[in-house]
């Protein structure tokens, strides 16, 4: 009986480890990417960079975290002028997860909005 419990416990531990190895990296990459979007939002509020330049910078930054984005998935909106307006950056992407016997897709929607101080 003790051997059966040990085998069952090891199987459960292995399953939890496998699920963790599959789920943690996409969530961690999203966390880092969202932080990069916030940084870009704060910095770009006070520059004269165009919305297209900001969009390309976000797409390039996403590649650093193994996130593949197209220009249609990144929305950059600037309202107002330099330093006194707002800048909103939104991205939408999904990551497919394949587990033994189960597949799913994780949906992520990182965004940041920064308002100028003037």
Protein backbone atom coordinates (compact mmCIF):
# COMPACT_ATOMS: atom_id res chain seq x y z
CA UNK A 1 0.00 0.00 0.00
CA UNK A 2 2.84 2.40 0.83
CA UNK A 3 4.41 1.79 -2.60
CA UNK A 4 1.12 2.58 -4.32
CA UNK A 5 0.84 5.86 -2.39
CA UNK A 6 4.42 6.74 -3.31
CA UNK A 7 3.83 6.06 -7.00
CA UNK A 8 0.57 8.01 -6.96
CA UNK A 9 2.23 10.91 -5.11
CA UNK A 10 5.12 11.02 -7.59
CA UNK A 11 2.68 10.97 -10.51
CA UNK A 12 0.73 13.89 -9.05
CA UNK A 13 3.96 15.78 -8.37
CA UNK A 14 5.13 15.16 -11.95
CA UNK A 15 1.82 16.35 -13.36
CA UNK A 16 1.91 19.54 -11.29
CA UNK A 17 5.51 20.16 -12.38
CA UNK A 18 4.59 19.66 -16.05
CA UNK A 19 1.64 22.05 -15.84
CA UNK A 20 3.86 24.60 -14.07
CA UNK A 21 6.56 24.31 -16.73
CA UNK A 22 3.99 24.95 -19.45
CA UNK A 23 2.00 27.76 -17.79
CA UNK A 24 4.54 29.85 -15.86
CA UNK A 25 6.72 31.02 -18.82
CA UNK A 26 3.86 32.68 -20.80
CA UNK A 27 2.59 34.48 -17.70
CA UNK A 28 6.09 35.64 -16.75
CA UNK A 29 6.77 36.84 -20.32
CA UNK A 30 3.47 38.74 -20.27
CA UNK A 31 4.42 40.36 -16.95
CA UNK A 32 7.78 41.50 -18.37
CA UNK A 33 6.17 42.66 -21.62
CA UNK A 34 3.54 44.67 -19.75
CA UNK A 35 6.33 46.35 -17.78
CA UNK A 36 8.06 47.21 -21.06
CA UNK A 37 4.81 48.68 -22.41
CA UNK A 38 4.47 50.86 -19.29
CA UNK A 39 8.03 52.10 -19.68
CA UNK A 40 7.50 52.86 -23.35
CA UNK A 41 4.25 54.67 -22.55
CA UNK A 42 5.90 56.92 -19.96
CA UNK A 43 8.89 57.72 -22.16
CA UNK A 44 6.94 58.25 -25.37
CA UNK A 45 4.43 60.64 -23.78
CA UNK A 46 7.16 63.28 -23.69
CA UNK A 47 8.70 62.65 -27.12
CA UNK A 48 7.65 63.53 -30.63
CA UNK A 49 7.74 59.91 -31.81
CA UNK A 50 4.89 58.96 -34.09
CA UNK A 51 2.32 56.32 -33.24
CA UNK A 52 3.80 54.06 -35.91
CA UNK A 53 7.30 54.36 -34.40
CA UNK A 54 5.93 53.51 -30.97
CA UNK A 55 4.04 50.53 -32.43
CA UNK A 56 7.21 49.22 -34.08
CA UNK A 57 9.15 49.63 -30.81
CA UNK A 58 6.49 47.62 -28.97
CA UNK A 59 6.56 44.85 -31.58
CA UNK A 60 10.36 44.74 -31.39
CA UNK A 61 10.26 44.62 -27.58
CA UNK A 62 7.73 41.77 -27.71
CA UNK A 63 10.20 39.67 -29.69
CA UNK A 64 12.60 39.86 -26.73
CA UNK A 65 10.04 37.85 -24.74
CA UNK A 66 9.22 35.39 -27.57
CA UNK A 67 5.89 37.11 -28.20
CA UNK A 68 5.03 37.43 -31.88
CA UNK A 69 2.85 40.46 -32.66
CA UNK A 70 1.59 41.98 -35.88
CA UNK A 71 0.88 45.71 -36.29
CA UNK A 72 -2.86 44.96 -36.15
CA UNK A 73 -2.47 43.50 -32.64
CA UNK A 74 -0.89 46.68 -31.22
CA UNK A 75 -3.04 49.77 -30.79
CA UNK A 76 -1.34 53.10 -30.03
CA UNK A 77 -3.49 56.16 -29.41
CA UNK A 78 -2.18 59.64 -28.66
CA UNK A 79 -4.58 62.39 -27.63
CA UNK A 80 -3.34 65.92 -27.12
CA UNK A 81 0.06 67.44 -27.61
CA UNK A 82 3.57 66.77 -26.42
CA UNK A 83 3.70 66.45 -22.64
CA UNK A 84 0.10 67.50 -21.99
CA UNK A 85 -1.82 64.71 -23.69
CA UNK A 86 -2.33 61.05 -23.04
CA UNK A 87 -0.75 58.04 -24.65
CA UNK A 88 -2.53 54.69 -24.62
CA UNK A 89 -0.82 51.47 -25.73
CA UNK A 90 -2.75 48.21 -25.99
CA UNK A 91 -1.76 44.80 -27.30
CA UNK A 92 -3.68 41.57 -27.71
CA UNK A 93 -2.15 38.18 -28.28
CA UNK A 94 -2.67 34.54 -27.45
CA UNK A 95 -0.36 31.66 -26.58
CA UNK A 96 -1.36 28.06 -27.34
CA UNK A 97 -0.67 25.59 -24.52
CA UNK A 98 -0.45 21.87 -25.24
CA UNK A 99 -0.67 19.55 -22.27
CA UNK A 100 -0.99 15.76 -22.46
CA UNK A 101 -4.63 15.14 -23.25
CA UNK A 102 -5.60 18.83 -23.11
CA UNK A 103 -4.94 21.93 -25.21
CA UNK A 104 -5.93 25.50 -24.49
CA UNK A 105 -5.11 29.03 -25.51
CA UNK A 106 -4.11 31.75 -23.06
CA UNK A 107 -5.36 35.22 -23.99
CA UNK A 108 -3.31 38.26 -22.91
CA UNK A 109 -4.25 41.95 -23.12
CA UNK A 110 -1.37 44.05 -21.77
CA UNK A 111 -1.92 47.79 -21.86
CA UNK A 112 -0.73 51.06 -20.40
CA UNK A 113 -2.08 54.58 -20.33
CA UNK A 114 0.02 57.60 -19.40
CA UNK A 115 -1.15 61.16 -18.98
CA UNK A 116 1.23 64.07 -19.35
CA UNK A 117 1.87 66.31 -16.35
CA UNK A 118 1.39 69.63 -18.10
